[in-house]
Amino acid sequence: MNTEVITDKNHSIYFVPGLQRGLRLLEVVARSDKPLSVTEVAQRLELSRSSAFRLVYTLQFMGFLQPSSDQRTFQLGARVLNLGFSFLAKQDIIQIAKRDLESLRDATGISAHLAIRDSLEVLFLDCVQTRTGFLSNVNVGTRLPAYASPMGWLMLSELPNRELASLYKDVKFERLTEKTPSDLGELMQAIARASADGYVFSHGIVEQGGSSVTAPIFESSGSIVAAIDISGPESAFDGEKPEKTYVDAILNAASAISARLGYRG
């Protein structure tokens, strides 16, 4: 369709109210800090309960919504996430971050990574390998449990405790190492420390003998949309350099990436 035909004059001819209501419903669910019931959606969209139910049913059938653990409320489904991943790819957060990941790698001599949170998992979008020494065993597409990852802790830090508890209600915490959180209480403590510090310098969380430094990436609204880290064996971190050297390097890189995404904090 030629954009010249999209005018106020023929708005009533081409505009589809039902589609608008469905998209508004997805926006309402996305902005909510908790799963919503049909009644809550009807109230927020000023629709009858029967109209809201039909919209929810259709979107759930198509995979854009999914039931939450209590089966009475619902949240965004995997199909929305897939659209989100496609959008990110087209907007290219990977390319936005690439230059700073490379500079971070060069400044520290350690492999650098970019990841997002996909529900209960951390999904790696990019890996810039070190030029010498130990190569990272984390590849693009690698997934880790968010509870067992410093990247995950930082990205989970935006969730209210109630939502976090709901998210992990039926999750079995399996320790990757003796330092991995083993229950929701330990996870909340790790998240609180990460949020207070604004970064995580960790040893032996994901695997024995491994170390990492992690920082969050913010977008224009101030939300955390991703995280970056440098990670490798403990021996990759030069013992003669103070910890502050690595922390400053990753915070500078994270700040630069966040600024390109419109963050002004």
C-alpha atoms as a PDB file:
ATOM      1  CA  MET A   1       0.000   0.000   0.000  1.00  0.00           C
ATOM      2  CA  ASN A   2       1.262   3.439  -0.929  1.00  0.00           C
ATOM      3  CA  THR A   3       1.622   5.651   2.158  1.00  0.00           C
ATOM      4  CA  GLU A   4      -0.156   8.431   0.246  1.00  0.00           C
ATOM      5  CA  VAL A   5      -3.492   6.672   0.818  1.00  0.00           C
ATOM      6  CA  ILE A   6      -3.071   6.689   4.625  1.00  0.00           C
ATOM      7  CA  THR A   7      -4.789   9.984   5.397  1.00  0.00           C
ATOM      8  CA  ASP A   8      -7.345  11.338   7.846  1.00  0.00           C
ATOM      9  CA  LYS A   9      -9.830  11.511   4.987  1.00  0.00           C
ATOM     10  CA  ASN A  10     -10.021   7.737   4.506  1.00  0.00           C
ATOM     11  CA  HIS A  11      -9.215   6.733   8.086  1.00  0.00           C
ATOM     12  CA  SER A  12     -12.720   5.338   8.602  1.00  0.00           C
ATOM     13  CA  ILE A  13     -12.393   3.184   5.486  1.00  0.00           C
ATOM     14  CA  TYR A  14      -9.159   1.400   6.360  1.00  0.00           C
ATOM     15  CA  PHE A  15      -8.990   1.541  10.157  1.00  0.00           C
ATOM     16  CA  VAL A  16      -9.750  -1.803  11.881  1.00  0.00           C
ATOM     17  CA  PRO A  17     -11.054  -1.228  15.443  1.00  0.00           C
ATOM     18  CA  GLY A  18     -10.819  -4.915  16.385  1.00  0.00           C
ATOM     19  CA  LEU A  19      -7.130  -5.006  15.505  1.00  0.00           C
ATOM     20  CA  GLN A  20      -6.567  -1.809  17.474  1.00  0.00           C
ATOM     21  CA  ARG A  21      -8.203  -3.338  20.544  1.00  0.00           C
ATOM     22  CA  GLY A  22      -6.051  -6.462  20.272  1.00  0.00           C
ATOM     23  CA  LEU A  23      -2.851  -4.439  20.003  1.00  0.00           C
ATOM     24  CA  ARG A  24      -3.898  -2.184  22.876  1.00  0.00           C
ATOM     25  CA  LEU A  25      -4.523  -5.293  24.962  1.00  0.00           C
ATOM     26  CA  LEU A  26      -0.956  -6.464  24.311  1.00  0.00           C
ATOM     27  CA  GLU A  27       0.331  -3.030  25.343  1.00  0.00           C
ATOM     28  CA  VAL A  28      -1.674  -3.158  28.579  1.00  0.00           C
ATOM     29  CA  VAL A  29      -0.306  -6.602  29.442  1.00  0.00           C
ATOM     30  CA  ALA A  30       3.250  -5.569  28.550  1.00  0.00           C
ATOM     31  CA  ARG A  31       3.110  -2.516  30.835  1.00  0.00           C
ATOM     32  CA  SER A  32       1.627  -4.367  33.797  1.00  0.00           C
ATOM     33  CA  ASP A  33       3.956  -5.398  36.616  1.00  0.00           C
ATOM     34  CA  LYS A  34       1.889  -8.564  37.143  1.00  0.00           C
ATOM     35  CA  PRO A  35      -0.202 -11.018  35.081  1.00  0.00           C
ATOM     36  CA  LEU A  36      -3.732  -9.757  34.404  1.00  0.00           C
ATOM     37  CA  SER A  37      -7.186 -11.332  34.530  1.00  0.00           C
ATOM     38  CA  VAL A  38      -9.842 -10.874  31.841  1.00  0.00           C
ATOM     39  CA  THR A  39     -11.777  -8.596  34.202  1.00  0.00           C
ATOM     40  CA  GLU A  40      -8.730  -6.372  34.757  1.00  0.00           C
ATOM     41  CA  VAL A  41      -8.124  -6.115  31.012  1.00  0.00           C
ATOM     42  CA  ALA A  42     -11.769  -5.229  30.403  1.00  0.00           C
ATOM     43  CA  GLN A  43     -11.548  -2.448  32.989  1.00  0.00           C
ATOM     44  CA  ARG A  44      -8.313  -1.002  31.612  1.00  0.00           C
ATOM     45  CA  LEU A  45      -9.538  -1.064  28.008  1.00  0.00           C
ATOM     46  CA  GLU A  46     -13.077   0.011  28.956  1.00  0.00           C
ATOM     47  CA  LEU A  47     -14.567  -3.030  27.230  1.00  0.00           C
ATOM     48  CA  SER A  48     -17.243  -5.496  28.222  1.00  0.00           C
ATOM     49  CA  ARG A  49     -15.931  -8.662  29.836  1.00  0.00           C
ATOM     50  CA  SER A  50     -17.193 -10.739  26.905  1.00  0.00           C
ATOM     51  CA  SER A  51     -15.309  -8.572  24.386  1.00  0.00           C
ATOM     52  CA  ALA A  52     -12.140  -8.752  26.471  1.00  0.00           C
ATOM     53  CA  PHE A  53     -12.508 -12.526  26.769  1.00  0.00           C
ATOM     54  CA  ARG A  54     -12.743 -12.939  22.974  1.00  0.00           C
ATOM     55  CA  LEU A  55      -9.620 -10.852  22.480  1.00  0.00           C
ATOM     56  CA  VAL A  56      -7.725 -12.801  25.133  1.00  0.00           C
ATOM     57  CA  TYR A  57      -8.884 -16.117  23.680  1.00  0.00           C
ATOM     58  CA  THR A  58      -7.767 -15.158  20.159  1.00  0.00           C
ATOM     59  CA  LEU A  59      -4.373 -13.831  21.251  1.00  0.00           C
ATOM     60  CA  GLN A  60      -3.788 -16.860  23.462  1.00  0.00           C
ATOM     61  CA  PHE A  61      -4.745 -19.199  20.597  1.00  0.00           C
ATOM     62  CA  MET A  62      -2.164 -17.460  18.391  1.00  0.00           C
ATOM     63  CA  GLY A  63       0.562 -17.608  21.047  1.00  0.00           C
ATOM     64  CA  PHE A  64       0.720 -13.887  21.793  1.00  0.00           C
ATOM     65  CA  LEU A  65      -0.615 -14.504  25.316  1.00  0.00           C
ATOM     66  CA  GLN A  66      -0.097 -17.416  27.667  1.00  0.00           C
ATOM     67  CA  PRO A  67      -1.654 -18.427  30.999  1.00  0.00           C
ATOM     68  CA  SER A  68       0.337 -17.620  34.126  1.00  0.00           C
ATOM     69  CA  SER A  69       0.987 -20.217  36.804  1.00  0.00           C
ATOM     70  CA  ASP A  70      -2.374 -19.680  38.532  1.00  0.00           C
ATOM     71  CA  GLN A  71      -4.283 -20.359  35.268  1.00  0.00           C
ATOM     72  CA  ARG A  72      -6.607 -17.417  36.036  1.00  0.00           C
ATOM     73  CA  THR A  73      -4.427 -14.643  34.703  1.00  0.00           C
ATOM     74  CA  PHE A  74      -2.232 -14.327  31.635  1.00  0.00           C
ATOM     75  CA  GLN A  75       0.965 -12.705  30.401  1.00  0.00           C
ATOM     76  CA  LEU A  76       2.792 -12.138  27.125  1.00  0.00           C
ATOM     77  CA  GLY A  77       3.510 -15.308  25.171  1.00  0.00           C
ATOM     78  CA  ALA A  78       6.537 -16.552  23.267  1.00  0.00           C
ATOM     79  CA  ARG A  79       5.275 -15.218  19.955  1.00  0.00           C
ATOM     80  CA  VAL A  80       5.539 -11.660  21.243  1.00  0.00           C
ATOM     81  CA  LEU A  81       9.101 -12.410  22.357  1.00  0.00           C
ATOM     82  CA  ASN A  82       9.898 -13.689  18.872  1.00  0.00           C
ATOM     83  CA  LEU A  83       8.613 -10.443  17.405  1.00  0.00           C
ATOM     84  CA  GLY A  84      10.696  -8.585  19.963  1.00  0.00           C
ATOM     85  CA  PHE A  85      13.818 -10.504  18.973  1.00  0.00           C
ATOM     86  CA  SER A  86      13.130  -9.718  15.310  1.00  0.00           C
ATOM     87  CA  PHE A  87      12.703  -6.041  16.158  1.00  0.00           C
ATOM     88  CA  LEU A  88      15.931  -6.001  18.154  1.00  0.00           C
ATOM     89  CA  ALA A  89      17.738  -7.632  15.268  1.00  0.00           C
ATOM     90  CA  LYS A  90      16.421  -5.011  12.851  1.00  0.00           C
ATOM     91  CA  GLN A  91      17.157  -2.141  15.225  1.00  0.00           C
ATOM     92  CA  ASP A  92      20.460  -3.864  15.838  1.00  0.00           C
ATOM     93  CA  ILE A  93      21.297  -3.543  19.494  1.00  0.00           C
ATOM     94  CA  ILE A  94      24.015  -6.009  18.556  1.00  0.00           C
ATOM     95  CA  GLN A  95      25.584  -3.533  16.153  1.00  0.00           C
ATOM     96  CA  ILE A  96      25.011  -0.655  18.569  1.00  0.00           C
ATOM     97  CA  ALA A  97      26.969  -2.528  21.245  1.00  0.00           C
ATOM     98  CA  LYS A  98      29.600  -4.110  18.984  1.00  0.00           C
ATOM     99  CA  ARG A  99      32.123  -1.272  18.998  1.00  0.00           C
ATOM    100  CA  ASP A 100      32.066  -0.927  22.771  1.00  0.00           C
ATOM    101  CA  LEU A 101      32.297  -4.690  23.288  1.00  0.00           C
ATOM    102  CA  GLU A 102      35.370  -4.743  21.068  1.00  0.00           C
ATOM    103  CA  SER A 103      36.914  -1.819  22.967  1.00  0.00           C
ATOM    104  CA  LEU A 104      36.088  -3.559  26.248  1.00  0.00           C
ATOM    105  CA  ARG A 105      37.744  -6.732  25.016  1.00  0.00           C
ATOM    106  CA  ASP A 106      40.833  -4.821  23.900  1.00  0.00           C
ATOM    107  CA  ALA A 107      41.081  -2.864  27.168  1.00  0.00           C
ATOM    108  CA  THR A 108      40.823  -5.938  29.382  1.00  0.00           C
ATOM    109  CA  GLY A 109      42.134  -8.742  27.181  1.00  0.00           C
ATOM    110  CA  ILE A 110      39.050 -10.810  28.104  1.00  0.00           C
ATOM    111  CA  SER A 111      36.116 -11.998  25.969  1.00  0.00           C
ATOM    112  CA  ALA A 112      33.060  -9.707  26.128  1.00  0.00           C
ATOM    113  CA  HIS A 113      29.398 -10.677  25.804  1.00  0.00           C
ATOM    114  CA  LEU A 114      25.967  -9.106  25.287  1.00  0.00           C
ATOM    115  CA  ALA A 115      22.793 -10.797  26.564  1.00  0.00           C
ATOM    116  CA  ILE A 116      19.096 -10.205  27.215  1.00  0.00           C
ATOM    117  CA  ARG A 117      16.664 -11.914  29.589  1.00  0.00           C
ATOM    118  CA  ASP A 118      14.112 -14.261  28.030  1.00  0.00           C
ATOM    119  CA  SER A 119      11.762 -15.024  30.934  1.00  0.00           C
ATOM    120  CA  LEU A 120      13.719 -17.423  33.178  1.00  0.00           C
ATOM    121  CA  GLU A 121      16.819 -17.528  30.997  1.00  0.00           C
ATOM    122  CA  VAL A 122      19.683 -15.332  29.896  1.00  0.00           C
ATOM    123  CA  LEU A 123      20.057 -15.397  26.101  1.00  0.00           C
ATOM    124  CA  PHE A 124      23.430 -14.396  24.630  1.00  0.00           C
ATOM    125  CA  LEU A 125      23.185 -12.185  21.538  1.00  0.00           C
ATOM    126  CA  ASP A 126      26.867 -11.528  20.875  1.00  0.00           C
ATOM    127  CA  CYS A 127      30.342 -12.668  21.884  1.00  0.00           C
ATOM    128  CA  VAL A 128      33.548 -10.781  21.097  1.00  0.00           C
ATOM    129  CA  GLN A 129      36.344 -13.261  21.637  1.00  0.00           C
ATOM    130  CA  THR A 130      39.663 -12.354  23.214  1.00  0.00           C
ATOM    131  CA  ARG A 131      42.502 -12.014  20.715  1.00  0.00           C
ATOM    132  CA  THR A 132      44.812 -14.211  22.772  1.00  0.00           C
ATOM    133  CA  GLY A 133      44.538 -16.696  25.594  1.00  0.00           C
ATOM    134  CA  PHE A 134      41.396 -18.588  26.562  1.00  0.00           C
ATOM    135  CA  LEU A 135      38.472 -18.345  24.147  1.00  0.00           C
ATOM    136  CA  SER A 136      34.999 -18.022  25.611  1.00  0.00           C
ATOM    137  CA  ASN A 137      32.850 -21.151  25.601  1.00  0.00           C
ATOM    138  CA  VAL A 138      29.736 -18.959  25.414  1.00  0.00           C
ATOM    139  CA  ASN A 139      28.359 -18.663  21.882  1.00  0.00           C
ATOM    140  CA  VAL A 140      25.584 -16.609  20.326  1.00  0.00           C
ATOM    141  CA  GLY A 141      22.334 -18.344  21.252  1.00  0.00           C
ATOM    142  CA  THR A 142      23.686 -19.835  24.482  1.00  0.00           C
ATOM    143  CA  ARG A 143      21.133 -19.845  27.295  1.00  0.00           C
ATOM    144  CA  LEU A 144      21.762 -19.911  31.042  1.00  0.00           C
ATOM    145  CA  PRO A 145      19.334 -19.953  33.972  1.00  0.00           C
ATOM    146  CA  ALA A 146      18.835 -16.333  35.018  1.00  0.00           C
ATOM    147  CA  TYR A 147      19.021 -17.296  38.705  1.00  0.00           C
ATOM    148  CA  ALA A 148      22.507 -18.737  38.140  1.00  0.00           C
ATOM    149  CA  SER A 149      23.918 -15.799  36.180  1.00  0.00           C
ATOM    150  CA  PRO A 150      25.129 -12.381  37.365  1.00  0.00           C
ATOM    151  CA  MET A 151      23.722 -11.037  34.097  1.00  0.00           C
ATOM    152  CA  GLY A 152      20.391 -12.523  35.091  1.00  0.00           C
ATOM    153  CA  TRP A 153      20.551 -10.978  38.568  1.00  0.00           C
ATOM    154  CA  LEU A 154      20.962  -7.493  37.145  1.00  0.00           C
ATOM    155  CA  MET A 155      18.171  -7.934  34.607  1.00  0.00           C
ATOM    156  CA  LEU A 156      15.854  -9.449  37.231  1.00  0.00           C
ATOM    157  CA  SER A 157      16.513  -6.527  39.575  1.00  0.00           C
ATOM    158  CA  GLU A 158      13.734  -4.469  37.976  1.00  0.00           C
ATOM    159  CA  LEU A 159      11.033  -6.939  39.006  1.00  0.00           C
ATOM    160  CA  PRO A 160       9.061  -6.311  42.207  1.00  0.00           C
ATOM    161  CA  ASN A 161       9.584  -9.042  44.814  1.00  0.00           C
ATOM    162  CA  ARG A 162       6.026 -10.273  44.332  1.00  0.00           C
ATOM    163  CA  GLU A 163       6.509 -10.702  40.587  1.00  0.00           C
ATOM    164  CA  LEU A 164       9.884 -12.340  41.142  1.00  0.00           C
ATOM    165  CA  ALA A 165       8.322 -14.795  43.588  1.00  0.00           C
ATOM    166  CA  SER A 166       5.568 -15.582  41.083  1.00  0.00           C
ATOM    167  CA  LEU A 167       8.083 -16.082  38.285  1.00  0.00           C
ATOM    168  CA  TYR A 168      10.092 -18.579  40.336  1.00  0.00           C
ATOM    169  CA  LYS A 169       7.148 -20.180  42.121  1.00  0.00           C
ATOM    170  CA  ASP A 170       7.566 -23.598  40.485  1.00  0.00           C
ATOM    171  CA  VAL A 171      11.254 -23.401  39.565  1.00  0.00           C
ATOM    172  CA  LYS A 172      13.658 -25.981  40.927  1.00  0.00           C
ATOM    173  CA  PHE A 173      16.957 -24.280  41.739  1.00  0.00           C
ATOM    174  CA  GLU A 174      19.782 -26.525  40.572  1.00  0.00           C
ATOM    175  CA  ARG A 175      23.200 -25.333  41.632  1.00  0.00           C
ATOM    176  CA  LEU A 176      25.819 -25.078  38.892  1.00  0.00           C
ATOM    177  CA  THR A 177      28.455 -24.530  41.589  1.00  0.00           C
ATOM    178  CA  GLU A 178      28.394 -24.213  45.373  1.00  0.00           C
ATOM    179  CA  LYS A 179      28.043 -20.432  44.920  1.00  0.00           C
ATOM    180  CA  THR A 180      24.921 -20.597  42.738  1.00  0.00           C
ATOM    181  CA  PRO A 181      21.747 -19.452  44.559  1.00  0.00           C
ATOM    182  CA  SER A 182      19.873 -22.533  45.745  1.00  0.00           C
ATOM    183  CA  ASP A 183      16.491 -20.955  46.491  1.00  0.00           C
ATOM    184  CA  LEU A 184      14.444 -17.796  46.010  1.00  0.00           C
ATOM    185  CA  GLY A 185      15.771 -16.212  49.206  1.00  0.00           C
ATOM    186  CA  GLU A 186      19.393 -16.533  48.097  1.00  0.00           C
ATOM    187  CA  LEU A 187      18.470 -15.265  44.631  1.00  0.00           C
ATOM    188  CA  MET A 188      16.785 -12.188  46.096  1.00  0.00           C
ATOM    189  CA  GLN A 189      19.875 -11.470  48.188  1.00  0.00           C
ATOM    190  CA  ALA A 190      22.095 -11.736  45.098  1.00  0.00           C
ATOM    191  CA  ILE A 191      19.757  -9.458  43.137  1.00  0.00           C
ATOM    192  CA  ALA A 192      19.675  -6.893  45.953  1.00  0.00           C
ATOM    193  CA  ARG A 193      23.486  -6.752  46.096  1.00  0.00           C
ATOM    194  CA  ALA A 194      23.745  -6.469  42.315  1.00  0.00           C
ATOM    195  CA  SER A 195      21.174  -3.676  42.211  1.00  0.00           C
ATOM    196  CA  ALA A 196      22.837  -1.744  45.032  1.00  0.00           C
ATOM    197  CA  ASP A 197      26.311  -1.967  43.479  1.00  0.00           C
ATOM    198  CA  GLY A 198      25.219  -1.439  39.870  1.00  0.00           C
ATOM    199  CA  TYR A 199      27.520  -4.239  38.684  1.00  0.00           C
ATOM    200  CA  VAL A 200      28.647  -7.723  39.690  1.00  0.00           C
ATOM    201  CA  PHE A 201      32.227  -8.990  40.019  1.00  0.00           C
ATOM    202  CA  SER A 202      31.809 -12.720  40.507  1.00  0.00           C
ATOM    203  CA  HIS A 203      33.890 -15.839  40.963  1.00  0.00           C
ATOM    204  CA  GLY A 204      32.673 -19.391  40.501  1.00  0.00           C
ATOM    205  CA  ILE A 205      28.961 -18.647  40.063  1.00  0.00           C
ATOM    206  CA  VAL A 206      28.346 -20.315  36.686  1.00  0.00           C
ATOM    207  CA  GLU A 207      31.315 -22.680  36.719  1.00  0.00           C
ATOM    208  CA  GLN A 208      34.170 -23.505  39.040  1.00  0.00           C
ATOM    209  CA  GLY A 209      37.269 -21.451  38.306  1.00  0.00           C
ATOM    210  CA  GLY A 210      35.385 -18.918  36.210  1.00  0.00           C
ATOM    211  CA  SER A 211      35.160 -15.176  36.834  1.00  0.00           C
ATOM    212  CA  SER A 212      33.163 -12.346  35.318  1.00  0.00           C
ATOM    213  CA  VAL A 213      32.358  -8.659  35.629  1.00  0.00           C
ATOM    214  CA  THR A 214      28.833  -7.674  34.592  1.00  0.00           C
ATOM    215  CA  ALA A 215      26.954  -4.392  34.072  1.00  0.00           C
ATOM    216  CA  PRO A 216      23.397  -3.511  32.959  1.00  0.00           C
ATOM    217  CA  ILE A 217      22.329  -1.766  29.748  1.00  0.00           C
ATOM    218  CA  PHE A 218      19.535   0.814  30.000  1.00  0.00           C
ATOM    219  CA  GLU A 219      17.245   2.189  27.287  1.00  0.00           C
ATOM    220  CA  SER A 220      15.593   5.590  27.040  1.00  0.00           C
ATOM    221  CA  SER A 221      12.867   4.943  29.643  1.00  0.00           C
ATOM    222  CA  GLY A 222      15.427   3.828  32.219  1.00  0.00           C
ATOM    223  CA  SER A 223      14.538   0.144  31.958  1.00  0.00           C
ATOM    224  CA  ILE A 224      17.263  -2.496  31.858  1.00  0.00           C
ATOM    225  CA  VAL A 225      17.075  -4.109  28.414  1.00  0.00           C
ATOM    226  CA  ALA A 226      20.303  -6.101  28.353  1.00  0.00           C
ATOM    227  CA  ALA A 227      23.572  -6.751  30.143  1.00  0.00           C
ATOM    228  CA  ILE A 228      27.207  -7.060  29.145  1.00  0.00           C
ATOM    229  CA  ASP A 229      30.076  -8.879  30.777  1.00  0.00           C
ATOM    230  CA  ILE A 230      33.667  -9.915  30.439  1.00  0.00           C
ATOM    231  CA  SER A 231      34.157 -13.496  31.498  1.00  0.00           C
ATOM    232  CA  GLY A 232      36.681 -16.277  31.430  1.00  0.00           C
ATOM    233  CA  PRO A 233      38.851 -18.391  33.711  1.00  0.00           C
ATOM    234  CA  GLU A 234      40.144 -16.697  36.847  1.00  0.00           C
ATOM    235  CA  SER A 235      43.618 -16.821  35.328  1.00  0.00           C
ATOM    236  CA  ALA A 236      42.438 -14.498  32.530  1.00  0.00           C
ATOM    237  CA  PHE A 237      42.016 -11.693  35.050  1.00  0.00           C
ATOM    238  CA  ASP A 238      45.457 -10.183  35.606  1.00  0.00           C
ATOM    239  CA  GLY A 239      46.162 -10.459  39.319  1.00  0.00           C
ATOM    240  CA  GLU A 240      48.396  -7.395  39.146  1.00  0.00           C
ATOM    241  CA  LYS A 241      45.507  -5.187  38.033  1.00  0.00           C
ATOM    242  CA  PRO A 242      43.153  -3.940  40.747  1.00  0.00           C
ATOM    243  CA  GLU A 243      39.525  -5.043  40.577  1.00  0.00           C
ATOM    244  CA  LYS A 244      38.563  -1.412  39.926  1.00  0.00           C
ATOM    245  CA  THR A 245      40.309  -1.577  36.533  1.00  0.00           C
ATOM    246  CA  TYR A 246      37.835  -4.164  35.255  1.00  0.00           C
ATOM    247  CA  VAL A 247      34.829  -2.560  36.939  1.00  0.00           C
ATOM    248  CA  ASP A 248      35.590   0.871  35.471  1.00  0.00           C
ATOM    249  CA  ALA A 249      36.088  -0.631  32.012  1.00  0.00           C
ATOM    250  CA  ILE A 250      32.747  -2.424  31.928  1.00  0.00           C
ATOM    251  CA  LEU A 251      30.801   0.456  33.487  1.00  0.00           C
ATOM    252  CA  ASN A 252      32.223   2.816  30.859  1.00  0.00           C
ATOM    253  CA  ALA A 253      31.239   0.418  28.069  1.00  0.00           C
ATOM    254  CA  ALA A 254      27.750  -0.085  29.505  1.00  0.00           C
ATOM    255  CA  SER A 255      27.287   3.677  29.851  1.00  0.00           C
ATOM    256  CA  ALA A 256      28.285   4.263  26.223  1.00  0.00           C
ATOM    257  CA  ILE A 257      25.902   1.582  24.915  1.00  0.00           C
ATOM    258  CA  SER A 258      23.060   2.866  27.096  1.00  0.00           C
ATOM    259  CA  ALA A 259      23.608   6.408  25.793  1.00  0.00           C
ATOM    260  CA  ARG A 260      23.278   5.164  22.203  1.00  0.00           C
ATOM    261  CA  LEU A 261      19.963   3.592  23.175  1.00  0.00           C
ATOM    262  CA  GLY A 262      18.729   6.978  24.391  1.00  0.00           C
ATOM    263  CA  TYR A 263      19.389   6.618  28.123  1.00  0.00           C
ATOM    264  CA  ARG A 264      20.218   9.910  29.814  1.00  0.00           C
ATOM    265  CA  GLY A 265      20.635   8.758  33.419  1.00  0.00           C
END
